[in-house]
Amino acid sequence: GSARLVDQDRPADCVVLGFETSDEVWKPFCVVETGRWSDARHFASGTLERAGFSGLVDGSTLPNDELTIRAWAIDLQGERAFPMVGTLRLRATR
């Protein structure tokens, strides 16, 4: 994916992934670095070419439940977090 800080026209510092359980509690479980190449044609600024992120998640650490995966773009300097668009729903079973 790609994560940017809209008000600063720059890539997010990182992305935090978390899951929301069926009782609607959100729990972070992974931090993914930004800095990978992204398709800058989708952005108004060429400075966002390195807004991409990618990573592998160890699903064995997730609880056995119906989960909604949500991501937040992080601004470390401003100490802010912004919810990213889209979710992934899954049912973890072992």
PDB file of N, CA and C in Angstrom:
ATOM      1  N   GLY A   1       0.812  -1.182   0.000  1.00  0.00           N
ATOM      2  CA  GLY A   1       0.000   0.000   0.000  1.00  0.00           C
ATOM      3  C   GLY A   1       0.857   1.249   0.000  1.00  0.00           C
ATOM      4  N   SER A   2       0.220   2.371   0.087  1.00  0.00           N
ATOM      5  CA  SER A   2       0.884   3.673   0.185  1.00  0.00           C
ATOM      6  C   SER A   2       0.242   4.468   1.306  1.00  0.00           C
ATOM      7  N   ALA A   3       1.073   5.218   2.036  1.00  0.00           N
ATOM      8  CA  ALA A   3       0.567   6.025   3.152  1.00  0.00           C
ATOM      9  C   ALA A   3       1.234   7.388   3.116  1.00  0.00           C
ATOM     10  N   ARG A   4       0.410   8.418   3.119  1.00  0.00           N
ATOM     11  CA  ARG A   4       0.959   9.773   3.122  1.00  0.00           C
ATOM     12  C   ARG A   4       0.245  10.643   4.136  1.00  0.00           C
ATOM     13  N   LEU A   5       0.927  11.709   4.526  1.00  0.00           N
ATOM     14  CA  LEU A   5       0.357  12.715   5.419  1.00  0.00           C
ATOM     15  C   LEU A   5      -0.128  13.846   4.536  1.00  0.00           C
ATOM     16  N   VAL A   6      -1.420  13.915   4.350  1.00  0.00           N
ATOM     17  CA  VAL A   6      -2.017  14.831   3.380  1.00  0.00           C
ATOM     18  C   VAL A   6      -1.669  16.281   3.681  1.00  0.00           C
ATOM     19  N   ASP A   7      -1.734  16.680   4.953  1.00  0.00           N
ATOM     20  CA  ASP A   7      -1.501  18.083   5.296  1.00  0.00           C
ATOM     21  C   ASP A   7      -0.036  18.497   5.169  1.00  0.00           C
ATOM     22  N   GLN A   8       0.882  17.521   5.041  1.00  0.00           N
ATOM     23  CA  GLN A   8       2.301  17.835   4.920  1.00  0.00           C
ATOM     24  C   GLN A   8       2.885  17.434   3.567  1.00  0.00           C
ATOM     25  N   ASP A   9       2.068  16.813   2.713  1.00  0.00           N
ATOM     26  CA  ASP A   9       2.497  16.384   1.388  1.00  0.00           C
ATOM     27  C   ASP A   9       3.796  15.578   1.451  1.00  0.00           C
ATOM     28  N   ARG A  10       3.804  14.575   2.343  1.00  0.00           N
ATOM     29  CA  ARG A  10       4.976  13.702   2.463  1.00  0.00           C
ATOM     30  C   ARG A  10       4.516  12.314   2.898  1.00  0.00           C
ATOM     31  N   PRO A  11       5.386  11.320   2.721  1.00  0.00           N
ATOM     32  CA  PRO A  11       5.021   9.973   3.167  1.00  0.00           C
ATOM     33  C   PRO A  11       4.844   9.913   4.683  1.00  0.00           C
ATOM     34  N   ALA A  12       3.974   9.031   5.138  1.00  0.00           N
ATOM     35  CA  ALA A  12       3.856   8.771   6.577  1.00  0.00           C
ATOM     36  C   ALA A  12       5.174   8.174   7.052  1.00  0.00           C
ATOM     37  N   ASP A  13       5.474   8.332   8.328  1.00  0.00           N
ATOM     38  CA  ASP A  13       6.716   7.788   8.879  1.00  0.00           C
ATOM     39  C   ASP A  13       6.668   6.264   8.974  1.00  0.00           C
ATOM     40  N   CYS A  14       5.505   5.723   9.229  1.00  0.00           N
ATOM     41  CA  CYS A  14       5.292   4.277   9.287  1.00  0.00           C
ATOM     42  C   CYS A  14       3.795   4.025   9.289  1.00  0.00           C
ATOM     43  N   VAL A  15       3.433   2.758   9.261  1.00  0.00           N
ATOM     44  CA  VAL A  15       2.033   2.345   9.304  1.00  0.00           C
ATOM     45  C   VAL A  15       1.883   1.340  10.436  1.00  0.00           C
ATOM     46  N   VAL A  16       0.852   1.514  11.254  1.00  0.00           N
ATOM     47  CA  VAL A  16       0.557   0.564  12.319  1.00  0.00           C
ATOM     48  C   VAL A  16      -0.663  -0.248  11.902  1.00  0.00           C
ATOM     49  N   LEU A  17      -0.502  -1.559  11.901  1.00  0.00           N
ATOM     50  CA  LEU A  17      -1.606  -2.462  11.611  1.00  0.00           C
ATOM     51  C   LEU A  17      -2.172  -2.986  12.914  1.00  0.00           C
ATOM     52  N   GLY A  18      -3.474  -3.105  12.961  1.00  0.00           N
ATOM     53  CA  GLY A  18      -4.118  -3.639  14.145  1.00  0.00           C
ATOM     54  C   GLY A  18      -5.357  -4.402  13.761  1.00  0.00           C
ATOM     55  N   PHE A  19      -5.879  -5.147  14.706  1.00  0.00           N
ATOM     56  CA  PHE A  19      -7.108  -5.887  14.442  1.00  0.00           C
ATOM     57  C   PHE A  19      -8.176  -5.458  15.422  1.00  0.00           C
ATOM     58  N   GLU A  20      -9.392  -5.478  14.930  1.00  0.00           N
ATOM     59  CA  GLU A  20     -10.567  -5.196  15.746  1.00  0.00           C
ATOM     60  C   GLU A  20     -11.326  -6.511  15.877  1.00  0.00           C
ATOM     61  N   THR A  21     -11.554  -6.930  17.100  1.00  0.00           N
ATOM     62  CA  THR A  21     -12.242  -8.188  17.348  1.00  0.00           C
ATOM     63  C   THR A  21     -13.756  -7.986  17.290  1.00  0.00           C
ATOM     64  N   SER A  22     -14.480  -9.070  17.439  1.00  0.00           N
ATOM     65  CA  SER A  22     -15.943  -9.001  17.374  1.00  0.00           C
ATOM     66  C   SER A  22     -16.527  -8.132  18.488  1.00  0.00           C
ATOM     67  N   ASP A  23     -15.774  -7.908  19.581  1.00  0.00           N
ATOM     68  CA  ASP A  23     -16.259  -7.014  20.643  1.00  0.00           C
ATOM     69  C   ASP A  23     -15.797  -5.567  20.432  1.00  0.00           C
ATOM     70  N   GLU A  24     -15.309  -5.263  19.201  1.00  0.00           N
ATOM     71  CA  GLU A  24     -14.964  -3.902  18.754  1.00  0.00           C
ATOM     72  C   GLU A  24     -13.818  -3.255  19.520  1.00  0.00           C
ATOM     73  N   VAL A  25     -12.871  -4.051  19.982  1.00  0.00           N
ATOM     74  CA  VAL A  25     -11.656  -3.520  20.611  1.00  0.00           C
ATOM     75  C   VAL A  25     -10.537  -3.595  19.575  1.00  0.00           C
ATOM     76  N   TRP A  26      -9.855  -2.463  19.325  1.00  0.00           N
ATOM     77  CA  TRP A  26      -8.765  -2.416  18.360  1.00  0.00           C
ATOM     78  C   TRP A  26      -7.446  -2.634  19.082  1.00  0.00           C
ATOM     79  N   LYS A  27      -6.630  -3.557  18.557  1.00  0.00           N
ATOM     80  CA  LYS A  27      -5.348  -3.879  19.178  1.00  0.00           C
ATOM     81  C   LYS A  27      -4.259  -3.839  18.116  1.00  0.00           C
ATOM     82  N   PRO A  28      -3.273  -2.964  18.272  1.00  0.00           N
ATOM     83  CA  PRO A  28      -2.169  -2.934  17.302  1.00  0.00           C
ATOM     84  C   PRO A  28      -1.320  -4.192  17.434  1.00  0.00           C
ATOM     85  N   PHE A  29      -0.793  -4.688  16.297  1.00  0.00           N
ATOM     86  CA  PHE A  29       0.047  -5.881  16.350  1.00  0.00           C
ATOM     87  C   PHE A  29       1.281  -5.808  15.465  1.00  0.00           C
ATOM     88  N   CYS A  30       1.415  -4.770  14.636  1.00  0.00           N
ATOM     89  CA  CYS A  30       2.539  -4.741  13.701  1.00  0.00           C
ATOM     90  C   CYS A  30       2.814  -3.302  13.256  1.00  0.00           C
ATOM     91  N   VAL A  31       4.091  -2.959  13.142  1.00  0.00           N
ATOM     92  CA  VAL A  31       4.503  -1.673  12.574  1.00  0.00           C
ATOM     93  C   VAL A  31       5.245  -1.968  11.276  1.00  0.00           C
ATOM     94  N   VAL A  32       4.864  -1.267  10.208  1.00  0.00           N
ATOM     95  CA  VAL A  32       5.482  -1.459   8.902  1.00  0.00           C
ATOM     96  C   VAL A  32       6.119  -0.142   8.476  1.00  0.00           C
ATOM     97  N   GLU A  33       7.368  -0.201   8.063  1.00  0.00           N
ATOM     98  CA  GLU A  33       8.068   1.000   7.606  1.00  0.00           C
ATOM     99  C   GLU A  33       7.577   1.419   6.224  1.00  0.00           C
ATOM    100  N   THR A  34       7.529   2.721   6.004  1.00  0.00           N
ATOM    101  CA  THR A  34       7.286   3.247   4.661  1.00  0.00           C
ATOM    102  C   THR A  34       8.653   3.481   4.023  1.00  0.00           C
ATOM    103  N   GLY A  35       8.657   3.851   2.772  1.00  0.00           N
ATOM    104  CA  GLY A  35       9.912   4.139   2.086  1.00  0.00           C
ATOM    105  C   GLY A  35      10.095   3.321   0.821  1.00  0.00           C
ATOM    106  N   ARG A  36       9.182   2.402   0.594  1.00  0.00           N
ATOM    107  CA  ARG A  36       9.246   1.624  -0.639  1.00  0.00           C
ATOM    108  C   ARG A  36       8.727   2.471  -1.796  1.00  0.00           C
ATOM    109  N   TRP A  37       9.108   2.098  -2.978  1.00  0.00           N
ATOM    110  CA  TRP A  37       8.657   2.791  -4.176  1.00  0.00           C
ATOM    111  C   TRP A  37       7.148   2.656  -4.324  1.00  0.00           C
ATOM    112  N   SER A  38       6.461   3.745  -4.615  1.00  0.00           N
ATOM    113  CA  SER A  38       5.030   3.696  -4.932  1.00  0.00           C
ATOM    114  C   SER A  38       4.808   4.439  -6.244  1.00  0.00           C
ATOM    115  N   ASP A  39       3.697   4.218  -6.845  1.00  0.00           N
ATOM    116  CA  ASP A  39       3.392   4.822  -8.136  1.00  0.00           C
ATOM    117  C   ASP A  39       2.991   6.281  -7.929  1.00  0.00           C
ATOM    118  N   ALA A  40       3.910   7.198  -8.115  1.00  0.00           N
ATOM    119  CA  ALA A  40       3.692   8.624  -7.844  1.00  0.00           C
ATOM    120  C   ALA A  40       2.663   9.257  -8.776  1.00  0.00           C
ATOM    121  N   ARG A  41       2.290   8.559  -9.837  1.00  0.00           N
ATOM    122  CA  ARG A  41       1.279   9.131 -10.745  1.00  0.00           C
ATOM    123  C   ARG A  41      -0.053   9.325 -10.033  1.00  0.00           C
ATOM    124  N   HIS A  42      -0.278   8.604  -8.935  1.00  0.00           N
ATOM    125  CA  HIS A  42      -1.536   8.718  -8.196  1.00  0.00           C
ATOM    126  C   HIS A  42      -1.540   9.912  -7.250  1.00  0.00           C
ATOM    127  N   PHE A  43      -0.408  10.578  -7.111  1.00  0.00           N
ATOM    128  CA  PHE A  43      -0.293  11.697  -6.180  1.00  0.00           C
ATOM    129  C   PHE A  43       0.028  12.977  -6.948  1.00  0.00           C
ATOM    130  N   ALA A  44      -0.311  14.100  -6.361  1.00  0.00           N
ATOM    131  CA  ALA A  44      -0.038  15.388  -6.996  1.00  0.00           C
ATOM    132  C   ALA A  44       1.440  15.749  -6.915  1.00  0.00           C
ATOM    133  N   SER A  45       2.190  15.131  -6.023  1.00  0.00           N
ATOM    134  CA  SER A  45       3.577  15.492  -5.795  1.00  0.00           C
ATOM    135  C   SER A  45       4.500  14.306  -6.033  1.00  0.00           C
ATOM    136  N   GLY A  46       5.618  14.552  -6.729  1.00  0.00           N
ATOM    137  CA  GLY A  46       6.625  13.523  -6.929  1.00  0.00           C
ATOM    138  C   GLY A  46       7.377  13.187  -5.650  1.00  0.00           C
ATOM    139  N   THR A  47       7.237  14.008  -4.602  1.00  0.00           N
ATOM    140  CA  THR A  47       7.930  13.743  -3.339  1.00  0.00           C
ATOM    141  C   THR A  47       7.341  12.537  -2.619  1.00  0.00           C
ATOM    142  N   LEU A  48       6.233  12.017  -3.119  1.00  0.00           N
ATOM    143  CA  LEU A  48       5.575  10.899  -2.447  1.00  0.00           C
ATOM    144  C   LEU A  48       5.903   9.553  -3.090  1.00  0.00           C
ATOM    145  N   GLU A  49       6.918   9.532  -3.949  1.00  0.00           N
ATOM    146  CA  GLU A  49       7.291   8.288  -4.603  1.00  0.00           C
ATOM    147  C   GLU A  49       7.654   7.206  -3.590  1.00  0.00           C
ATOM    148  N   ARG A  50       8.159   7.571  -2.432  1.00  0.00           N
ATOM    149  CA  ARG A  50       8.624   6.608  -1.432  1.00  0.00           C
ATOM    150  C   ARG A  50       7.605   6.428  -0.306  1.00  0.00           C
ATOM    151  N   ALA A  51       6.324   6.571  -0.623  1.00  0.00           N
ATOM    152  CA  ALA A  51       5.267   6.426   0.385  1.00  0.00           C
ATOM    153  C   ALA A  51       4.776   4.987   0.510  1.00  0.00           C
ATOM    154  N   GLY A  52       5.343   4.080  -0.269  1.00  0.00           N
ATOM    155  CA  GLY A  52       4.872   2.704  -0.277  1.00  0.00           C
ATOM    156  C   GLY A  52       5.299   1.915   0.951  1.00  0.00           C
ATOM    157  N   PHE A  53       4.534   0.876   1.262  1.00  0.00           N
ATOM    158  CA  PHE A  53       4.883  -0.038   2.342  1.00  0.00           C
ATOM    159  C   PHE A  53       4.453  -1.442   1.974  1.00  0.00           C
ATOM    160  N   SER A  54       5.146  -2.400   2.549  1.00  0.00           N
ATOM    161  CA  SER A  54       4.836  -3.795   2.302  1.00  0.00           C
ATOM    162  C   SER A  54       5.442  -4.616   3.434  1.00  0.00           C
ATOM    163  N   GLY A  55       4.813  -5.700   3.781  1.00  0.00           N
ATOM    164  CA  GLY A  55       5.368  -6.551   4.820  1.00  0.00           C
ATOM    165  C   GLY A  55       4.595  -7.847   4.949  1.00  0.00           C
ATOM    166  N   LEU A  56       5.188  -8.774   5.656  1.00  0.00           N
ATOM    167  CA  LEU A  56       4.551 -10.053   5.946  1.00  0.00           C
ATOM    168  C   LEU A  56       4.074 -10.049   7.388  1.00  0.00           C
ATOM    169  N   VAL A  57       2.932 -10.658   7.618  1.00  0.00           N
ATOM    170  CA  VAL A  57       2.358 -10.735   8.955  1.00  0.00           C
ATOM    171  C   VAL A  57       2.248 -12.196   9.346  1.00  0.00           C
ATOM    172  N   ASP A  58       2.686 -12.518  10.545  1.00  0.00           N
ATOM    173  CA  ASP A  58       2.577 -13.879  11.075  1.00  0.00           C
ATOM    174  C   ASP A  58       1.173 -14.066  11.624  1.00  0.00           C
ATOM    175  N   GLY A  59       0.329 -14.734  10.857  1.00  0.00           N
ATOM    176  CA  GLY A  59      -1.064 -14.926  11.242  1.00  0.00           C
ATOM    177  C   GLY A  59      -1.249 -15.805  12.468  1.00  0.00           C
ATOM    178  N   SER A  60      -0.210 -16.559  12.861  1.00  0.00           N
ATOM    179  CA  SER A  60      -0.358 -17.440  14.020  1.00  0.00           C
ATOM    180  C   SER A  60      -0.470 -16.664  15.326  1.00  0.00           C
ATOM    181  N   THR A  61      -0.139 -15.386  15.298  1.00  0.00           N
ATOM    182  CA  THR A  61      -0.235 -14.570  16.513  1.00  0.00           C
ATOM    183  C   THR A  61      -1.604 -13.931  16.693  1.00  0.00           C
ATOM    184  N   LEU A  62      -2.459 -14.045  15.674  1.00  0.00           N
ATOM    185  CA  LEU A  62      -3.786 -13.442  15.753  1.00  0.00           C
ATOM    186  C   LEU A  62      -4.733 -14.361  16.515  1.00  0.00           C
ATOM    187  N   PRO A  63      -5.694 -13.788  17.224  1.00  0.00           N
ATOM    188  CA  PRO A  63      -6.640 -14.620  17.985  1.00  0.00           C
ATOM    189  C   PRO A  63      -7.622 -15.350  17.072  1.00  0.00           C
ATOM    190  N   ASN A  64      -8.153 -16.448  17.565  1.00  0.00           N
ATOM    191  CA  ASN A  64      -9.211 -17.170  16.846  1.00  0.00           C
ATOM    192  C   ASN A  64     -10.507 -16.394  17.014  1.00  0.00           C
ATOM    193  N   ASP A  65     -10.847 -15.603  16.041  1.00  0.00           N
ATOM    194  CA  ASP A  65     -12.024 -14.740  16.126  1.00  0.00           C
ATOM    195  C   ASP A  65     -12.278 -14.177  14.738  1.00  0.00           C
ATOM    196  N   GLU A  66     -13.415 -13.560  14.545  1.00  0.00           N
ATOM    197  CA  GLU A  66     -13.657 -12.784  13.343  1.00  0.00           C
ATOM    198  C   GLU A  66     -12.970 -11.446  13.563  1.00  0.00           C
ATOM    199  N   LEU A  67     -12.061 -11.102  12.657  1.00  0.00           N
ATOM    200  CA  LEU A  67     -11.245  -9.906  12.836  1.00  0.00           C
ATOM    201  C   LEU A  67     -11.444  -8.934  11.682  1.00  0.00           C
ATOM    202  N   THR A  68     -11.293  -7.658  11.991  1.00  0.00           N
ATOM    203  CA  THR A  68     -11.210  -6.617  10.976  1.00  0.00           C
ATOM    204  C   THR A  68      -9.832  -5.983  11.117  1.00  0.00           C
ATOM    205  N   ILE A  69      -9.020  -6.063  10.059  1.00  0.00           N
ATOM    206  CA  ILE A  69      -7.678  -5.476  10.066  1.00  0.00           C
ATOM    207  C   ILE A  69      -7.804  -4.025   9.614  1.00  0.00           C
ATOM    208  N   ARG A  70      -7.233  -3.132  10.417  1.00  0.00           N
ATOM    209  CA  ARG A  70      -7.241  -1.691  10.114  1.00  0.00           C
ATOM    210  C   ARG A  70      -5.816  -1.159  10.183  1.00  0.00           C
ATOM    211  N   ALA A  71      -5.534  -0.141   9.374  1.00  0.00           N
ATOM    212  CA  ALA A  71      -4.200   0.461   9.346  1.00  0.00           C
ATOM    213  C   ALA A  71      -4.286   1.953   9.665  1.00  0.00           C
ATOM    214  N   TRP A  72      -3.233   2.453  10.317  1.00  0.00           N
ATOM    215  CA  TRP A  72      -3.133   3.868  10.671  1.00  0.00           C
ATOM    216  C   TRP A  72      -1.799   4.403  10.155  1.00  0.00           C
ATOM    217  N   ALA A  73      -1.846   5.549   9.472  1.00  0.00           N
ATOM    218  CA  ALA A  73      -0.637   6.237   9.028  1.00  0.00           C
ATOM    219  C   ALA A  73      -0.129   7.087  10.191  1.00  0.00           C
ATOM    220  N   ILE A  74       1.177   7.014  10.455  1.00  0.00           N
ATOM    221  CA  ILE A  74       1.748   7.655  11.637  1.00  0.00           C
ATOM    222  C   ILE A  74       2.635   8.839  11.264  1.00  0.00           C
ATOM    223  N   ASP A  75       2.436   9.951  11.963  1.00  0.00           N
ATOM    224  CA  ASP A  75       3.267  11.157  11.886  1.00  0.00           C
ATOM    225  C   ASP A  75       4.014  11.249  13.212  1.00  0.00           C
ATOM    226  N   LEU A  76       5.274  10.813  13.240  1.00  0.00           N
ATOM    227  CA  LEU A  76       6.029  10.790  14.494  1.00  0.00           C
ATOM    228  C   LEU A  76       6.304  12.186  15.036  1.00  0.00           C
ATOM    229  N   GLN A  77       6.683  13.125  14.166  1.00  0.00           N
ATOM    230  CA  GLN A  77       6.994  14.482  14.611  1.00  0.00           C
ATOM    231  C   GLN A  77       5.770  15.164  15.227  1.00  0.00           C
ATOM    232  N   GLY A  78       4.630  15.025  14.593  1.00  0.00           N
ATOM    233  CA  GLY A  78       3.407  15.651  15.092  1.00  0.00           C
ATOM    234  C   GLY A  78       2.678  14.820  16.137  1.00  0.00           C
ATOM    235  N   GLU A  79       3.199  13.609  16.395  1.00  0.00           N
ATOM    236  CA  GLU A  79       2.583  12.689  17.354  1.00  0.00           C
ATOM    237  C   GLU A  79       1.098  12.495  17.044  1.00  0.00           C
ATOM    238  N   ARG A  80       0.828  12.146  15.758  1.00  0.00           N
ATOM    239  CA  ARG A  80      -0.548  11.957  15.308  1.00  0.00           C
ATOM    240  C   ARG A  80      -0.667  10.643  14.549  1.00  0.00           C
ATOM    241  N   ALA A  81      -1.873  10.115  14.532  1.00  0.00           N
ATOM    242  CA  ALA A  81      -2.186   8.911  13.767  1.00  0.00           C
ATOM    243  C   ALA A  81      -3.448   9.166  12.959  1.00  0.00           C
ATOM    244  N   PHE A  82      -3.447   8.701  11.718  1.00  0.00           N
ATOM    245  CA  PHE A  82      -4.577   8.914  10.825  1.00  0.00           C
ATOM    246  C   PHE A  82      -5.089   7.569  10.323  1.00  0.00           C
ATOM    247  N   PRO A  83      -6.389   7.293  10.463  1.00  0.00           N
ATOM    248  CA  PRO A  83      -6.921   6.027   9.956  1.00  0.00           C
ATOM    249  C   PRO A  83      -6.826   5.986   8.438  1.00  0.00           C
ATOM    250  N   MET A  84      -6.414   4.846   7.920  1.00  0.00           N
ATOM    251  CA  MET A  84      -6.310   4.678   6.476  1.00  0.00           C
ATOM    252  C   MET A  84      -7.614   4.093   5.940  1.00  0.00           C
ATOM    253  N   VAL A  85      -7.872   4.347   4.687  1.00  0.00           N
ATOM    254  CA  VAL A  85      -9.093   3.883   4.040  1.00  0.00           C
ATOM    255  C   VAL A  85      -9.001   2.376   3.792  1.00  0.00           C
ATOM    256  N   GLY A  86     -10.083   1.705   4.032  1.00  0.00           N
ATOM    257  CA  GLY A  86     -10.170   0.279   3.730  1.00  0.00           C
ATOM    258  C   GLY A  86      -9.880  -0.603   4.925  1.00  0.00           C
ATOM    259  N   THR A  87     -10.473  -1.776   4.911  1.00  0.00           N
ATOM    260  CA  THR A  87     -10.262  -2.778   5.953  1.00  0.00           C
ATOM    261  C   THR A  87     -10.185  -4.142   5.291  1.00  0.00           C
ATOM    262  N   LEU A  88      -9.712  -5.083   6.059  1.00  0.00           N
ATOM    263  CA  LEU A  88      -9.674  -6.470   5.622  1.00  0.00           C
ATOM    264  C   LEU A  88     -10.353  -7.297   6.691  1.00  0.00           C
ATOM    265  N   ARG A  89     -11.375  -8.044   6.317  1.00  0.00           N
ATOM    266  CA  ARG A  89     -12.100  -8.888   7.272  1.00  0.00           C
ATOM    267  C   ARG A  89     -11.648 -10.320   7.085  1.00  0.00           C
ATOM    268  N   LEU A  90     -11.388 -10.994   8.184  1.00  0.00           N
ATOM    269  CA  LEU A  90     -11.009 -12.394   8.105  1.00  0.00           C
ATOM    270  C   LEU A  90     -11.448 -13.144   9.351  1.00  0.00           C
ATOM    271  N   ARG A  91     -11.443 -14.434   9.221  1.00  0.00           N
ATOM    272  CA  ARG A  91     -11.751 -15.292  10.349  1.00  0.00           C
ATOM    273  C   ARG A  91     -10.537 -16.167  10.588  1.00  0.00           C
ATOM    274  N   ALA A  92      -9.877 -15.937  11.712  1.00  0.00           N
ATOM    275  CA  ALA A  92      -8.690 -16.705  12.066  1.00  0.00           C
ATOM    276  C   ALA A  92      -9.120 -18.021  12.706  1.00  0.00           C
ATOM    277  N   THR A  93      -8.640 -19.112  12.165  1.00  0.00           N
ATOM    278  CA  THR A  93      -8.928 -20.430  12.741  1.00  0.00           C
ATOM    279  C   THR A  93      -7.645 -21.255  12.729  1.00  0.00           C
ATOM    280  N   ARG A  94      -7.522 -22.083  13.733  1.00  0.00           N
ATOM    281  CA  ARG A  94      -6.367 -22.985  13.806  1.00  0.00           C
ATOM    282  C   ARG A  94      -6.833 -24.353  14.193  1.00  0.00           C
TER     283      ARG A  94
END
